[in-house]
Amino acid sequence: MHEQKPAFHPMFDTDTGIVGLTDVVKHYQRVFLPCEKKDRKHYRELAREDAARSAGLLLRHDGQRHSHAESWVEGPKTEDDKPKRKGRREVSLTAFADELVNLTWKLYEGMPFAQIHTIVLEAAEAVSKGRPGGVRPFKPSVLLRYDAALMLAWHLGAEPAEVWLHSGTERGFRSLGFSGRRKTVAPDELPLPFRKLHAWQVEDILCLYRLLFELVVSGKPVDEAMFARIEAKRQKMGCGHRRCAAAC
């Protein structure tokens, strides 16, 4: 069970000012959403095995890898072991993509997102138990599994009906005043500006803007500079580098 106290922080209870939730939604729609719509269209047009392989490699519409692939790095990172970790990550992602391709026979048009996620988890478990090329792969992260499942859902003409809470998304959810642990939340349980969005878009917002939400709740000032720092994240997400930003 979860509690709601309050539905969202009082400082967000306005459609005016830089901290209004409507402003956050508009910023997301202007900065991040165009590229993500291109991702969705791209995956919808791919052949089944190509979509599975691309999802396993976390490739976006322009062929660039999503930065969430970096989350497959375990433990403290140092410059000395950076090349070794990069090699293991490449082996891990390739093995993950191979396992997803092997499971494409289980996929079908309009498949519920939860079932897609289960298949992705099956592929991830197979990777974590394997030793491709004698290399111990990294264990797939929760975030990476969600991203791969969403990409496959786009290919299948499906999408999550609820917002999946994990990692930064859960932090953003809690910063809006919610408590209790749960795996998903329906968009209509969230503040009004979120209710016209797709669930996967709300998931994005809760993750991308979680630091802004936390600043407001803690009473610290929020200004245009915070939005500029959030916008800079686009370049780290794979899409939004110079070549893509011109088109998106």
Protein backbone atom coordinates (compact mmCIF):
# COMPACT_ATOMS: atom_id res chain seq x y z
CA MET A 1 0.00 0.00 0.00
CA HIS A 2 1.10 3.56 -0.53
CA GLU A 3 0.14 6.78 1.10
CA GLN A 4 -0.23 10.17 -0.49
CA LYS A 5 0.77 13.04 1.74
CA PRO A 6 0.11 15.38 0.08
CA ALA A 7 -0.80 14.65 -3.56
CA PHE A 8 2.14 16.88 -4.44
CA HIS A 9 4.16 19.57 -2.77
CA PRO A 10 2.22 22.85 -2.28
CA MET A 11 4.93 24.81 -4.10
CA PHE A 12 4.03 22.91 -7.25
CA ASP A 13 0.35 23.78 -6.91
CA THR A 14 0.49 26.44 -9.59
CA ASP A 15 0.70 26.76 -13.33
CA THR A 16 2.78 29.89 -13.09
CA GLY A 17 6.39 30.44 -12.16
CA ILE A 18 9.49 28.45 -12.93
CA VAL A 19 8.62 25.66 -10.49
CA GLY A 20 5.11 25.05 -11.82
CA LEU A 21 4.58 21.46 -12.93
CA THR A 22 3.06 22.71 -16.18
CA ASP A 23 6.36 24.48 -16.88
CA VAL A 24 8.23 21.24 -16.22
CA VAL A 25 5.97 19.37 -18.66
CA LYS A 26 6.38 22.05 -21.33
CA HIS A 27 10.16 22.00 -20.90
CA TYR A 28 10.20 18.22 -21.27
CA GLN A 29 8.01 18.38 -24.37
CA ARG A 30 10.30 20.95 -25.95
CA VAL A 31 13.69 19.49 -25.03
CA PHE A 32 13.37 15.72 -24.68
CA LEU A 33 10.13 14.49 -26.23
CA PRO A 34 10.88 15.19 -29.94
CA CYS A 35 13.88 12.85 -29.90
CA GLU A 36 11.97 10.18 -28.01
CA LYS A 37 9.13 10.31 -30.53
CA LYS A 38 11.73 9.64 -33.21
CA ASP A 39 12.94 6.67 -31.18
CA ARG A 40 9.40 5.29 -31.03
CA LYS A 41 8.86 5.72 -34.77
CA HIS A 42 12.24 4.16 -35.53
CA TYR A 43 11.56 1.03 -33.46
CA ARG A 44 8.08 0.66 -34.90
CA GLU A 45 9.58 0.47 -38.39
CA LEU A 46 12.34 -2.06 -37.63
CA ALA A 47 12.11 -5.77 -38.42
CA ARG A 48 11.54 -7.96 -35.34
CA GLU A 49 15.10 -9.25 -34.89
CA ASP A 50 16.60 -5.84 -35.69
CA ALA A 51 14.39 -4.27 -33.03
CA ALA A 52 15.42 -6.88 -30.45
CA ARG A 53 19.12 -6.44 -31.18
CA SER A 54 18.90 -2.64 -31.14
CA ALA A 55 16.97 -2.71 -27.86
CA GLY A 56 19.59 -4.98 -26.31
CA LEU A 57 22.30 -2.55 -27.37
CA LEU A 58 20.17 0.43 -26.23
CA LEU A 59 20.45 2.13 -29.61
CA ARG A 60 18.43 5.23 -30.37
CA HIS A 61 16.97 6.35 -33.70
CA ASP A 62 20.25 7.90 -34.85
CA GLY A 63 22.36 4.85 -34.01
CA GLN A 64 23.78 6.41 -30.85
CA ARG A 65 23.70 4.41 -27.64
CA HIS A 66 21.56 5.63 -24.76
CA SER A 67 23.64 6.76 -21.78
CA HIS A 68 21.74 4.34 -19.55
CA ALA A 69 23.98 1.65 -20.96
CA GLU A 70 26.63 3.14 -18.69
CA SER A 71 24.55 2.02 -15.70
CA TRP A 72 25.76 -1.50 -16.41
CA VAL A 73 29.03 -0.66 -14.65
CA GLU A 74 29.22 -2.13 -11.17
CA GLY A 75 31.22 -0.88 -8.20
CA PRO A 76 33.57 2.11 -7.93
CA LYS A 77 34.99 3.41 -11.18
CA THR A 78 38.62 4.46 -11.59
CA GLU A 79 40.63 5.59 -14.59
CA ASP A 80 42.89 2.52 -14.29
CA ASP A 81 40.12 -0.01 -14.85
CA LYS A 82 38.12 2.07 -17.34
CA PRO A 83 39.30 0.18 -20.48
CA LYS A 84 38.61 -3.19 -18.82
CA ARG A 85 35.13 -2.12 -17.76
CA LYS A 86 34.36 -0.79 -21.21
CA GLY A 87 35.32 -4.15 -22.70
CA ARG A 88 33.10 -6.03 -20.26
CA ARG A 89 30.24 -3.64 -20.96
CA GLU A 90 30.50 -4.22 -24.69
CA VAL A 91 30.54 -7.99 -24.17
CA SER A 92 27.58 -7.71 -21.80
CA LEU A 93 25.47 -5.58 -24.13
CA THR A 94 26.21 -7.81 -27.10
CA ALA A 95 25.26 -10.91 -25.10
CA PHE A 96 22.07 -9.21 -23.91
CA ALA A 97 21.15 -8.32 -27.50
CA ASP A 98 21.83 -11.89 -28.61
CA GLU A 99 19.57 -13.29 -25.89
CA LEU A 100 16.75 -10.92 -26.86
CA VAL A 101 17.04 -11.97 -30.49
CA ASN A 102 16.79 -15.61 -29.37
CA LEU A 103 13.53 -14.80 -27.58
CA THR A 104 11.81 -12.89 -30.39
CA TRP A 105 9.57 -15.90 -31.05
CA LYS A 106 7.77 -15.03 -27.80
CA LEU A 107 6.93 -11.49 -28.92
CA TYR A 108 3.68 -10.53 -30.64
CA GLU A 109 1.92 -7.36 -31.77
CA GLY A 110 0.26 -5.36 -28.98
CA MET A 111 1.81 -7.52 -26.27
CA PRO A 112 1.22 -6.13 -22.74
CA PHE A 113 4.24 -4.26 -21.43
CA ALA A 114 4.53 -6.39 -18.29
CA GLN A 115 4.93 -9.51 -20.45
CA ILE A 116 7.55 -7.78 -22.60
CA HIS A 117 9.43 -6.81 -19.45
CA THR A 118 9.32 -10.42 -18.27
CA ILE A 119 10.94 -11.57 -21.52
CA VAL A 120 13.62 -8.90 -21.17
CA LEU A 121 14.25 -10.09 -17.61
CA GLU A 122 14.62 -13.66 -18.93
CA ALA A 123 17.28 -12.46 -21.37
CA ALA A 124 19.05 -10.51 -18.64
CA GLU A 125 19.13 -13.52 -16.34
CA ALA A 126 20.65 -15.63 -19.11
CA VAL A 127 23.40 -13.03 -19.59
CA SER A 128 24.21 -12.84 -15.89
CA LYS A 129 24.75 -16.62 -15.81
CA GLY A 130 26.85 -16.83 -18.96
CA ARG A 131 30.51 -16.32 -19.72
CA PRO A 132 30.61 -15.12 -23.35
CA GLY A 133 34.15 -15.40 -24.66
CA GLY A 134 35.32 -16.34 -21.17
CA VAL A 135 34.43 -12.84 -19.90
CA ARG A 136 32.23 -12.38 -16.85
CA PRO A 137 29.50 -9.97 -17.99
CA PHE A 138 27.98 -7.22 -15.92
CA LYS A 139 24.58 -7.98 -14.44
CA PRO A 140 21.87 -5.99 -16.29
CA SER A 141 20.54 -3.09 -14.26
CA VAL A 142 16.86 -2.43 -13.55
CA LEU A 143 17.08 0.77 -15.56
CA LEU A 144 18.60 -0.93 -18.58
CA ARG A 145 15.95 -3.66 -18.53
CA TYR A 146 13.16 -1.08 -18.49
CA ASP A 147 14.66 0.85 -21.41
CA ALA A 148 15.05 -2.30 -23.50
CA ALA A 149 11.47 -3.35 -22.72
CA LEU A 150 10.15 0.08 -23.69
CA MET A 151 12.00 0.00 -27.01
CA LEU A 152 10.55 -3.43 -27.75
CA ALA A 153 7.09 -2.21 -26.74
CA TRP A 154 7.35 0.62 -29.25
CA HIS A 155 8.23 -1.93 -31.91
CA LEU A 156 5.18 -4.01 -31.01
CA GLY A 157 2.81 -1.05 -31.01
CA ALA A 158 2.46 -1.20 -27.24
CA GLU A 159 3.48 0.84 -24.22
CA PRO A 160 3.17 0.68 -20.42
CA ALA A 161 -0.24 1.62 -19.03
CA GLU A 162 1.30 2.66 -15.71
CA VAL A 163 4.42 4.52 -14.66
CA TRP A 164 7.13 2.07 -13.64
CA LEU A 165 8.95 3.24 -10.53
CA HIS A 166 12.65 2.44 -10.38
CA SER A 167 15.91 4.22 -9.67
CA GLY A 168 15.58 7.98 -10.31
CA THR A 169 11.89 7.69 -11.20
CA GLU A 170 11.08 6.49 -7.70
CA ARG A 171 13.04 9.39 -6.25
CA GLY A 172 11.03 11.81 -8.35
CA PHE A 173 7.80 10.10 -7.28
CA ARG A 174 8.69 10.44 -3.60
CA SER A 175 9.75 14.06 -3.98
CA LEU A 176 6.21 14.92 -5.06
CA GLY A 177 4.96 13.90 -1.62
CA PHE A 178 4.20 10.21 -2.08
CA SER A 179 5.37 7.58 0.38
CA GLY A 180 5.28 3.81 0.52
CA ARG A 181 6.91 1.34 -1.81
CA ARG A 182 5.28 0.18 -5.02
CA LYS A 183 6.41 -0.89 -8.48
CA THR A 184 3.99 1.13 -10.61
CA VAL A 185 1.61 4.07 -10.36
CA ALA A 186 -1.28 5.05 -12.61
CA PRO A 187 -0.92 8.48 -14.28
CA ASP A 188 -4.29 9.59 -12.90
CA GLU A 189 -2.89 9.21 -9.38
CA LEU A 190 -0.33 11.90 -10.13
CA PRO A 191 -0.71 15.69 -10.34
CA LEU A 192 -3.02 17.04 -13.04
CA PRO A 193 -0.33 18.26 -15.51
CA PHE A 194 0.93 14.66 -15.83
CA ARG A 195 -2.41 13.06 -16.60
CA LYS A 196 -2.49 13.95 -20.30
CA LEU A 197 0.89 12.32 -20.88
CA HIS A 198 1.73 8.73 -21.73
CA ALA A 199 2.97 6.71 -18.77
CA TRP A 200 6.47 6.37 -20.26
CA GLN A 201 6.65 10.15 -20.62
CA VAL A 202 5.76 10.63 -16.95
CA GLU A 203 8.47 8.09 -16.08
CA ASP A 204 10.94 10.24 -18.00
CA ILE A 205 9.89 13.42 -16.24
CA LEU A 206 10.05 11.93 -12.75
CA CYS A 207 13.59 10.76 -13.45
CA LEU A 208 14.93 13.74 -15.41
CA TYR A 209 13.58 16.42 -13.09
CA ARG A 210 13.93 14.63 -9.76
CA LEU A 211 16.68 16.97 -8.54
CA LEU A 212 14.55 19.99 -9.34
CA PHE A 213 11.63 18.50 -7.42
CA GLU A 214 13.88 17.73 -4.46
CA LEU A 215 15.24 21.29 -4.43
CA VAL A 216 11.76 22.75 -4.31
CA VAL A 217 10.64 20.44 -1.53
CA SER A 218 13.75 21.28 0.50
CA GLY A 219 13.03 24.99 0.12
CA LYS A 220 16.08 25.76 -2.00
CA PRO A 221 15.86 28.23 -4.90
CA VAL A 222 15.20 27.02 -8.42
CA ASP A 223 16.02 29.16 -11.45
CA GLU A 224 16.58 28.94 -15.19
CA ALA A 225 20.08 27.59 -14.57
CA MET A 226 18.58 24.39 -13.16
CA PHE A 227 16.60 23.87 -16.36
CA ALA A 228 19.77 24.50 -18.37
CA ARG A 229 21.58 21.78 -16.41
CA ILE A 230 18.70 19.39 -16.99
CA GLU A 231 18.73 20.23 -20.70
CA ALA A 232 22.44 19.39 -20.81
CA LYS A 233 21.49 15.83 -19.87
CA ARG A 234 20.09 15.39 -23.35
CA GLN A 235 23.58 15.23 -24.78
CA LYS A 236 24.44 12.42 -22.37
CA MET A 237 21.34 10.42 -23.29
CA GLY A 238 22.64 9.56 -26.75
CA CYS A 239 20.22 11.81 -28.60
CA GLY A 240 20.77 15.53 -28.50
CA HIS A 241 24.35 15.69 -29.65
CA ARG A 242 24.99 18.35 -32.28
CA ARG A 243 23.99 16.31 -35.32
CA CYS A 244 20.73 15.12 -33.80
CA ALA A 245 19.86 18.35 -31.97
CA ALA A 246 19.63 20.16 -35.29
CA ALA A 247 16.93 17.75 -36.42
CA CYS A 248 15.15 17.29 -33.09
